[in-house]
Every structure is written in structure tokens, then in C-alpha cells.
Protein backbone atom coordinates (compact mmCIF):
# COMPACT_ATOMS: atom_id res chain seq x y z
CA MET A 1 79.92 98.07 107.50
CA SER A 2 82.97 98.34 109.78
CA TYR A 3 84.63 95.32 111.35
CA ASN A 4 87.32 97.27 113.27
CA LEU A 5 89.93 95.37 111.26
CA LEU A 6 92.45 98.19 111.56
CA LYS A 7 91.66 99.52 115.01
CA GLY A 8 94.84 100.95 116.52
CA LYS A 9 96.80 100.69 113.28
CA LYS A 10 98.56 103.56 111.53
CA GLY A 11 99.58 103.91 107.92
CA ILE A 12 100.48 105.98 104.87
CA ILE A 13 98.36 106.14 101.72
CA PHE A 14 100.10 107.22 98.51
CA GLY A 15 98.32 108.46 95.42
CA ALA A 16 94.87 109.79 96.36
CA LEU A 17 94.03 112.24 93.58
CA ASP A 18 90.24 112.52 93.56
CA GLU A 19 87.12 110.60 94.53
CA ARG A 20 87.64 108.11 91.68
CA SER A 21 91.10 107.08 92.92
CA ILE A 22 91.54 103.63 94.42
CA ALA A 23 93.87 105.25 96.97
CA TRP A 24 91.16 107.76 97.92
CA ILE A 25 88.55 105.06 98.45
CA THR A 26 91.07 102.88 100.31
CA ALA A 27 91.86 105.76 102.67
CA LEU A 28 88.15 106.10 103.46
CA ARG A 29 87.86 102.35 104.00
CA CYS A 30 90.88 102.20 106.31
CA HIS A 31 89.51 105.13 108.30
CA GLU A 32 86.17 103.31 108.66
CA GLU A 33 88.06 100.27 109.96
CA GLY A 34 89.68 102.35 112.70
CA ALA A 35 93.06 103.28 111.22
CA GLN A 36 94.96 106.54 111.59
CA ILE A 37 96.31 107.77 108.26
CA VAL A 38 98.85 110.06 106.66
CA LEU A 39 98.09 111.06 103.06
CA THR A 40 100.74 111.84 100.48
CA ASN A 41 101.07 112.62 96.80
CA ALA A 42 103.40 114.47 94.46
CA PRO A 43 103.19 118.26 94.76
CA VAL A 44 101.91 118.59 91.18
CA ALA A 45 99.22 115.95 91.77
CA MET A 46 98.18 117.71 94.95
CA ARG A 47 97.63 120.90 92.98
CA MET A 48 95.57 119.05 90.36
CA GLY A 49 93.52 116.96 92.78
CA GLU A 50 91.37 117.43 95.83
CA ILE A 51 93.36 115.64 98.51
CA ASN A 52 92.61 118.25 101.17
CA LYS A 53 88.92 117.30 101.02
CA LEU A 54 89.86 113.71 101.76
CA ALA A 55 92.18 114.81 104.56
CA GLU A 56 89.26 116.49 106.31
CA LYS A 57 87.11 113.38 106.03
CA VAL A 58 89.72 111.04 107.49
CA ASN A 59 91.35 113.54 109.86
CA ALA A 60 94.77 113.08 108.26
CA PRO A 61 97.73 115.34 107.61
CA VAL A 62 98.88 115.71 104.01
CA ILE A 63 102.64 115.48 103.44
CA PRO A 64 103.86 116.14 99.87
CA CYS A 65 106.36 113.67 98.43
CA ASP A 66 108.04 113.42 95.05
CA VAL A 67 108.64 109.67 95.02
CA THR A 68 111.76 110.08 92.85
CA SER A 69 113.42 112.17 95.58
CA ASP A 70 115.38 110.51 98.38
CA GLU A 71 115.05 113.71 100.42
CA ASP A 72 111.27 113.88 100.00
CA MET A 73 110.86 110.21 100.91
CA GLN A 74 112.98 110.63 104.03
CA ASN A 75 110.97 113.70 105.00
CA LEU A 76 107.68 111.83 104.50
CA VAL A 77 108.74 108.90 106.68
CA ALA A 78 110.24 111.11 109.38
CA GLN A 79 107.21 113.42 109.55
CA SER A 80 104.85 110.45 109.58
CA MET A 81 106.71 108.89 112.50
CA GLU A 82 106.57 112.21 114.33
CA HIS A 83 102.83 112.47 113.67
CA PHE A 84 102.16 108.91 114.82
CA GLY A 85 104.54 109.09 117.77
CA GLY A 86 106.55 106.16 116.45
CA GLY A 87 106.38 103.54 113.73
CA PHE A 88 103.45 102.69 111.50
CA ASP A 89 101.76 99.48 110.38
CA PHE A 90 100.84 99.74 106.71
CA VAL A 91 101.50 101.53 103.44
CA LEU A 92 99.56 101.65 100.17
CA HIS A 93 101.74 102.38 97.13
CA SER A 94 99.32 103.59 94.45
CA VAL A 95 101.76 105.39 92.18
CA GLY A 96 102.21 105.24 88.43
CA MET A 97 102.84 107.50 85.46
CA SER A 98 104.03 106.92 81.89
CA LEU A 99 105.60 109.93 80.22
CA ASN A 100 105.79 108.13 76.86
CA MET A 101 102.07 107.38 76.97
CA ARG A 102 101.35 110.99 77.89
CA LYS A 103 103.33 112.10 74.87
CA GLY A 104 101.57 109.61 72.58
CA LYS A 105 104.70 107.57 71.85
CA SER A 106 104.26 103.89 71.01
CA TYR A 107 106.11 101.04 72.70
CA THR A 108 108.26 100.54 69.61
CA ASP A 109 109.40 104.18 69.67
CA LEU A 110 110.08 105.00 73.31
CA ASN A 111 111.96 108.05 74.46
CA TYR A 112 114.42 106.41 76.86
CA GLY A 113 114.74 109.47 79.03
CA PHE A 114 110.97 109.39 79.53
CA ASN A 115 111.19 105.63 80.07
CA GLN A 116 113.73 106.01 82.85
CA LYS A 117 111.46 108.53 84.57
CA THR A 118 108.48 106.19 84.19
CA LEU A 119 110.36 103.32 85.84
CA ASP A 120 111.59 105.58 88.64
CA ILE A 121 108.11 106.93 89.43
CA SER A 122 106.10 103.76 88.91
CA ALA A 123 108.42 101.06 90.23
CA THR A 124 111.74 102.12 91.77
CA SER A 125 109.73 104.40 94.06
CA LEU A 126 108.56 101.27 95.89
CA HIS A 127 112.16 100.28 96.55
CA ARG A 128 112.95 103.83 97.68
CA LEU A 129 109.96 103.75 100.03
CA LEU A 130 110.84 100.37 101.53
CA ALA A 131 114.53 101.23 101.85
CA THR A 132 113.69 104.49 103.63
CA CYS A 133 111.35 102.69 106.02
CA TRP A 134 114.06 100.08 106.60
CA LYS A 135 116.73 102.67 107.44
CA ASN A 136 114.41 104.54 109.80
CA ASP A 137 112.96 101.39 111.39
CA ALA A 138 109.61 102.91 110.50
CA LEU A 139 107.41 99.86 109.88
CA ASN A 140 106.22 98.00 112.95
CA GLU A 141 106.49 94.22 113.32
CA TRP A 142 103.85 92.37 111.29
CA GLY A 143 103.33 95.47 109.17
CA SER A 144 101.94 95.28 105.64
CA VAL A 145 102.84 97.03 102.38
CA VAL A 146 100.61 96.78 99.31
CA ALA A 147 101.44 98.13 95.84
CA LEU A 148 98.85 98.27 93.06
CA THR A 149 99.77 96.58 89.79
CA TYR A 150 98.15 95.18 86.64
CA ILE A 151 98.16 91.90 84.71
CA ALA A 152 100.02 93.59 81.84
CA ALA A 153 103.12 92.67 83.86
CA GLN A 154 102.49 89.06 82.76
CA ARG A 155 100.57 89.39 79.48
CA VAL A 156 100.74 91.68 76.48
CA PHE A 157 98.27 94.57 76.38
CA PRO A 158 99.63 96.71 73.51
CA ASP A 159 98.20 100.04 74.60
CA TYR A 160 99.59 99.66 78.14
CA SER A 161 103.01 100.26 76.60
CA GLU A 162 105.98 100.91 78.92
CA MET A 163 103.78 100.69 82.03
CA ALA A 164 103.83 96.91 81.55
CA ASP A 165 107.60 96.98 82.09
CA ALA A 166 107.18 99.26 85.10
CA LYS A 167 104.64 96.92 86.70
CA SER A 168 106.92 93.93 86.10
CA LEU A 169 109.71 95.72 87.94
CA LEU A 170 107.32 96.78 90.70
CA GLU A 171 106.29 93.17 91.32
CA SER A 172 109.91 92.02 91.38
CA ILE A 173 110.80 94.67 93.96
CA ALA A 174 107.88 93.57 96.13
CA ARG A 175 109.09 89.96 96.07
CA SER A 176 112.76 90.78 96.68
CA PHE A 177 112.27 93.37 99.40
CA GLY A 178 109.47 91.29 100.86
CA TYR A 179 111.96 88.51 101.56
CA HIS A 180 114.34 90.78 103.45
CA TYR A 181 111.60 92.57 105.37
CA ALA A 182 109.98 89.30 106.42
CA LEU A 183 113.24 88.19 108.01
CA LYS A 184 113.89 91.56 109.62
CA LYS A 185 110.51 92.42 111.16
CA LYS A 186 107.83 90.04 109.86
CA VAL A 187 106.69 92.81 107.51
CA ARG A 188 104.84 91.51 104.46
CA VAL A 189 104.99 93.06 100.99
CA ASN A 190 102.46 92.19 98.28
CA THR A 191 101.14 93.53 95.01
CA VAL A 192 97.46 93.56 94.07
CA SER A 193 96.69 93.10 90.38
CA GLN A 194 93.42 94.97 90.05
CA SER A 195 90.75 94.83 87.33
CA PRO A 196 90.80 97.77 84.91
CA THR A 197 89.13 100.50 86.95
CA ARG A 198 87.54 103.78 85.93
CA THR A 199 89.95 106.12 87.67
CA THR A 200 91.26 109.42 86.36
CA ALA A 201 94.62 107.80 85.60
CA GLY A 202 93.22 104.59 84.11
CA SER A 203 90.89 106.42 81.79
CA GLY A 204 93.90 108.00 80.10
CA VAL A 205 94.99 104.68 78.56
CA LYS A 206 94.21 104.45 74.85
CA GLY A 207 91.15 102.28 74.11
CA PHE A 208 90.27 102.06 77.81
CA ASP A 209 86.49 102.06 77.40
CA GLY A 210 86.54 99.18 74.94
CA PHE A 211 88.97 97.23 77.05
CA ILE A 212 87.03 97.60 80.30
CA THR A 213 83.98 96.23 78.49
CA TYR A 214 86.04 93.29 77.21
CA ALA A 215 87.41 92.61 80.72
CA GLU A 216 83.88 92.63 82.09
CA LYS A 217 82.89 89.95 79.58
CA MET A 218 86.03 87.93 80.34
CA SER A 219 85.61 87.96 84.13
CA PRO A 220 83.20 85.34 85.53
CA LEU A 221 82.45 87.59 88.51
CA GLY A 222 82.70 90.79 86.51
CA ASN A 223 85.29 93.50 87.00
CA ALA A 224 86.20 94.37 90.57
CA ASP A 225 85.51 98.05 91.20
CA ALA A 226 87.54 100.49 93.30
CA ALA A 227 85.43 99.98 96.42
CA ALA A 228 85.96 96.21 96.28
CA CYS A 229 89.69 96.79 95.82
CA ALA A 230 89.69 99.01 98.90
CA ASP A 231 88.01 96.22 100.89
CA TYR A 232 90.66 93.75 99.74
CA VAL A 233 93.55 96.07 100.55
CA ALA A 234 92.13 96.72 104.02
CA SER A 235 92.05 92.98 104.62
CA LEU A 236 95.72 92.77 103.60
CA PHE A 237 96.57 95.48 106.10
CA SER A 238 94.76 93.58 108.85
CA ASP A 239 96.05 90.83 111.13
CA LEU A 240 93.86 88.31 109.29
CA THR A 241 96.48 88.04 106.49
CA ARG A 242 99.67 87.89 108.52
CA TYR A 243 101.26 85.07 106.53
CA VAL A 244 100.62 86.39 103.04
CA THR A 245 103.75 87.96 101.61
CA MET A 246 105.80 88.28 98.38
CA GLN A 247 102.66 87.51 96.37
CA ASN A 248 101.08 89.06 93.32
CA LEU A 249 97.41 88.77 94.24
CA TYR A 250 94.84 88.94 91.44
CA HIS A 251 91.75 90.93 92.32
CA ASP A 252 90.02 90.77 88.97
CA GLY A 253 86.82 88.74 89.10
CA GLY A 254 88.58 85.69 87.66
CA PHE A 255 89.93 87.42 84.53
CA SER A 256 93.49 86.16 85.12
CA MET A 257 92.42 82.49 85.12
CA THR A 258 89.89 82.60 82.27
CA GLY A 259 90.76 81.57 78.72
CA VAL A 260 87.45 82.60 77.19
CA THR A 261 83.85 83.06 78.28
CA GLN A 262 80.60 82.23 76.55
CA SER A 263 79.71 85.92 76.24
CA VAL A 264 82.98 86.63 74.39
CA ILE A 265 82.40 83.69 72.07
CA GLU A 266 78.90 84.92 71.31
CA GLN A 267 80.19 88.43 70.66
CA MET A 268 82.82 87.12 68.23
CA GLU A 269 80.26 85.05 66.36
CA LYS A 270 78.02 88.06 65.63
């Protein structure tokens, strides 16, 4: 059901890889709510994924962007402004990659070169994005930026490894830049801490299947799926949430506030 929440709004969606991606589903949701969209991803991800299929569905151009490149980020923002005929209203940052995890290296034995790349892709890219928008006066007044994160930024999940550090930095950048952007143009910047979700990227985490089952048992409402996350993000892009900024917002069925559930106790007593 569409509520026209984003009618007349324009925005950029980072990170749509395939139909399982939260970014992909969010792009569809924003389109349903009346938004105009630009899609972007890293050139290598675009070759691996199916972003052109999504572009056809939402009538959006696809602009490649290596988020570690100042030049690529500037090109993305400039081309988006040209496409929209001016500034835009929202951005979804759905970007993350751990080179150490890809190489099977544990948290206690990180390759620091890989680690630096992980932090640059997964966290500093948000700063680069916001700084580029700032310099180009790209985001309209009362705009909204959302970055996807995970509760491992606050609690230890051993197999999440260096991505926990990256998400901690991501959330800090959202708070710090959110302050400055609020003063400058009433732009709000938030992170959404989503339930573990069966995406192509998420499924690559060691022990993911067991953990998603555990999270389901630990969440009074159950895990929030990608479609529910897309609904929530769309609401954060809308004018209904104008005074929410610099927050880490848990979208996890109550997992973040639950010490233990009866179903977990019963499972442990078996």
C-alpha cells in the first residue's frame, strides 16, 4: 500500500546488489511512495549483481561509485544533481565489506591493511558522502540520510569481527556530521540497527544461520525482515520524522532491549 510519503522527493540509494538486498527493496518502496531515485554501487558489485533490472523497475539511472574514491563520490553527487535538476532530499547508505572476514582471518589476527580498507569502505565512506554533499550544497533543507548498521557496534558478536569496529565508527560519523548538518540545513542523519537479515552479504558471516535463529528466539516481535526495514527507512525519509536526527535506531523486533526470552530458556534447558 502506498501513502505517497515521498511524493516529490528525490534521493540516492547505495548498495542494491540483488533482490535480497535491503537497498534493493528500499528502492522499490521509495519508488512506490512517489520518490525519484538514482541508484549507485561499486563497479565490481554492479558486475556481480543485477542492478540494471532494478533500474528499469524504478525508472532510475545507475551511476557507478567506488565509495573510497573522492573523485567517484564527487561525480556521483554532481551527476545526480544534474539528473534531478538540483538538490536531492534523501540518501540510503547501505555499504559494508570486511576484507579480513573474506580472507577468513579472525579478529585476533587482523591484516591491518585489509582493516584500513574495511573501515574506509564501511564507515569513512559515509563521511566522504556527507562531506561531498556539503561542499556541493546537494542535500535540500529537511533532507534525510540513513545508514544501515548492526548492534555489534555496541555488543560483542565474535564472528562479526572487524565489521563491529566499522559499524561503531559509522554510527559516530552519523552523530558528528548530523550535528553540523542540522545546523546548516536542517538535514537529519541517522543509523538504523537492523535485525540479522538474509541478504547475500549477511549470509557470508560465519555461523549466520544459527545466529539468525537465535535472534528470532530473542526478539519478542521476531526478526524484522528486509521489507519491514524498507518501510522504516521510507518513514525516516518522509516529513513525518523531521525531528529525528543523530540517533541509532533499533529496528530489531525488541532484540536490543531483551535480556532473555522464555523460548531461549526452554532451549537451554533441553
